[in-house]
Amino acid sequence: MLSGGLLNDEEAKLGLEIKDRLEEFVRLMGEQNLSDIFSMLRPFHLQGIKSKTKSICHGFMGFSNS
């Protein structure tokens, strides 16, 4: 794609998947975390933001390793 050529179906699908993961990651970065406001809630991981962010980051690592 660096040369500006057309994408085949597999490349287009990969590009859309990366875009979707990046959008989700940016959304999570802007989301309010209750444990930042109420530190006593930190051990409970009520919103699961940390685990969601980790799964997205692992997905990016999979893209970069392939």
C-alpha atoms as a PDB file:
ATOM      1  CA  MET A   1       0.000   0.000   0.000  1.00  0.00           C
ATOM      2  CA  LEU A   2       2.980   2.321   0.396  1.00  0.00           C
ATOM      3  CA  SER A   3       3.200   2.687  -3.383  1.00  0.00           C
ATOM      4  CA  GLY A   4      -0.435   3.786  -3.582  1.00  0.00           C
ATOM      5  CA  GLY A   5      -1.609   0.646  -5.347  1.00  0.00           C
ATOM      6  CA  LEU A   6      -4.909  -1.104  -4.900  1.00  0.00           C
ATOM      7  CA  LEU A   7      -5.463  -3.459  -1.987  1.00  0.00           C
ATOM      8  CA  ASN A   8      -6.552  -7.047  -2.319  1.00  0.00           C
ATOM      9  CA  ASP A   9      -9.345  -8.385  -0.104  1.00  0.00           C
ATOM     10  CA  GLU A  10      -7.022  -9.709   2.609  1.00  0.00           C
ATOM     11  CA  GLU A  11      -5.083  -6.453   2.900  1.00  0.00           C
ATOM     12  CA  ALA A  12      -8.287  -4.418   2.989  1.00  0.00           C
ATOM     13  CA  LYS A  13      -9.701  -6.659   5.734  1.00  0.00           C
ATOM     14  CA  LEU A  14      -6.487  -6.315   7.764  1.00  0.00           C
ATOM     15  CA  GLY A  15      -6.564  -2.537   7.342  1.00  0.00           C
ATOM     16  CA  LEU A  16     -10.149  -2.356   8.578  1.00  0.00           C
ATOM     17  CA  GLU A  17      -9.322  -4.548  11.565  1.00  0.00           C
ATOM     18  CA  ILE A  18      -6.373  -2.330  12.509  1.00  0.00           C
ATOM     19  CA  LYS A  19      -8.571   0.768  12.121  1.00  0.00           C
ATOM     20  CA  ASP A  20     -11.280  -0.725  14.343  1.00  0.00           C
ATOM     21  CA  ARG A  21      -8.790  -1.691  17.046  1.00  0.00           C
ATOM     22  CA  LEU A  22      -7.174   1.724  16.943  1.00  0.00           C
ATOM     23  CA  GLU A  23     -10.556   3.446  17.289  1.00  0.00           C
ATOM     24  CA  GLU A  24     -11.415   1.226  20.265  1.00  0.00           C
ATOM     25  CA  PHE A  25      -8.019   1.971  21.861  1.00  0.00           C
ATOM     26  CA  VAL A  26      -8.498   5.740  21.476  1.00  0.00           C
ATOM     27  CA  ARG A  27     -12.015   5.461  22.922  1.00  0.00           C
ATOM     28  CA  LEU A  28     -10.670   3.560  25.940  1.00  0.00           C
ATOM     29  CA  MET A  29      -7.934   6.151  26.500  1.00  0.00           C
ATOM     30  CA  GLY A  30     -10.589   8.862  26.871  1.00  0.00           C
ATOM     31  CA  GLU A  31     -12.938   6.847  29.071  1.00  0.00           C
ATOM     32  CA  GLN A  32     -13.310   7.843  32.708  1.00  0.00           C
ATOM     33  CA  ASN A  33     -12.003   5.200  35.094  1.00  0.00           C
ATOM     34  CA  LEU A  34     -13.833   4.999  38.411  1.00  0.00           C
ATOM     35  CA  SER A  35     -10.757   3.641  40.167  1.00  0.00           C
ATOM     36  CA  ASP A  36      -8.908   6.867  39.336  1.00  0.00           C
ATOM     37  CA  ILE A  37     -11.534   8.816  41.240  1.00  0.00           C
ATOM     38  CA  PHE A  38     -12.219   6.288  44.024  1.00  0.00           C
ATOM     39  CA  SER A  39      -8.914   4.563  44.742  1.00  0.00           C
ATOM     40  CA  MET A  40     -10.554   2.063  47.094  1.00  0.00           C
ATOM     41  CA  LEU A  41     -12.243   0.492  44.014  1.00  0.00           C
ATOM     42  CA  ARG A  42      -8.941  -0.141  42.199  1.00  0.00           C
ATOM     43  CA  PRO A  43      -8.560  -3.840  43.189  1.00  0.00           C
ATOM     44  CA  PHE A  44     -11.996  -4.697  41.786  1.00  0.00           C
ATOM     45  CA  HIS A  45     -11.414  -3.583  38.161  1.00  0.00           C
ATOM     46  CA  LEU A  46     -15.111  -2.744  37.825  1.00  0.00           C
ATOM     47  CA  GLN A  47     -14.985  -1.417  34.277  1.00  0.00           C
ATOM     48  CA  GLY A  48     -12.379  -3.785  32.856  1.00  0.00           C
ATOM     49  CA  ILE A  49     -10.552  -0.980  31.066  1.00  0.00           C
ATOM     50  CA  LYS A  50      -7.142  -2.446  31.867  1.00  0.00           C
ATOM     51  CA  SER A  51      -7.984  -5.875  30.436  1.00  0.00           C
ATOM     52  CA  LYS A  52      -9.621  -4.369  27.329  1.00  0.00           C
ATOM     53  CA  THR A  53      -6.561  -2.204  26.713  1.00  0.00           C
ATOM     54  CA  LYS A  54      -4.242  -5.188  27.170  1.00  0.00           C
ATOM     55  CA  SER A  55      -6.195  -7.270  24.652  1.00  0.00           C
ATOM     56  CA  ILE A  56      -6.061  -4.466  22.081  1.00  0.00           C
ATOM     57  CA  CYS A  57      -2.313  -4.019  22.624  1.00  0.00           C
ATOM     58  CA  HIS A  58      -1.762  -7.769  22.188  1.00  0.00           C
ATOM     59  CA  GLY A  59      -3.698  -7.498  18.930  1.00  0.00           C
ATOM     60  CA  PHE A  60      -1.357  -4.749  17.724  1.00  0.00           C
ATOM     61  CA  MET A  61       1.628  -6.894  18.654  1.00  0.00           C
ATOM     62  CA  GLY A  62       0.155  -9.678  16.528  1.00  0.00           C
ATOM     63  CA  PHE A  63      -0.084  -7.318  13.555  1.00  0.00           C
ATOM     64  CA  SER A  64       3.489  -6.122  13.950  1.00  0.00           C
ATOM     65  CA  ASN A  65       4.883  -9.653  14.323  1.00  0.00           C
ATOM     66  CA  SER A  66       3.196 -10.977  11.181  1.00  0.00           C
END
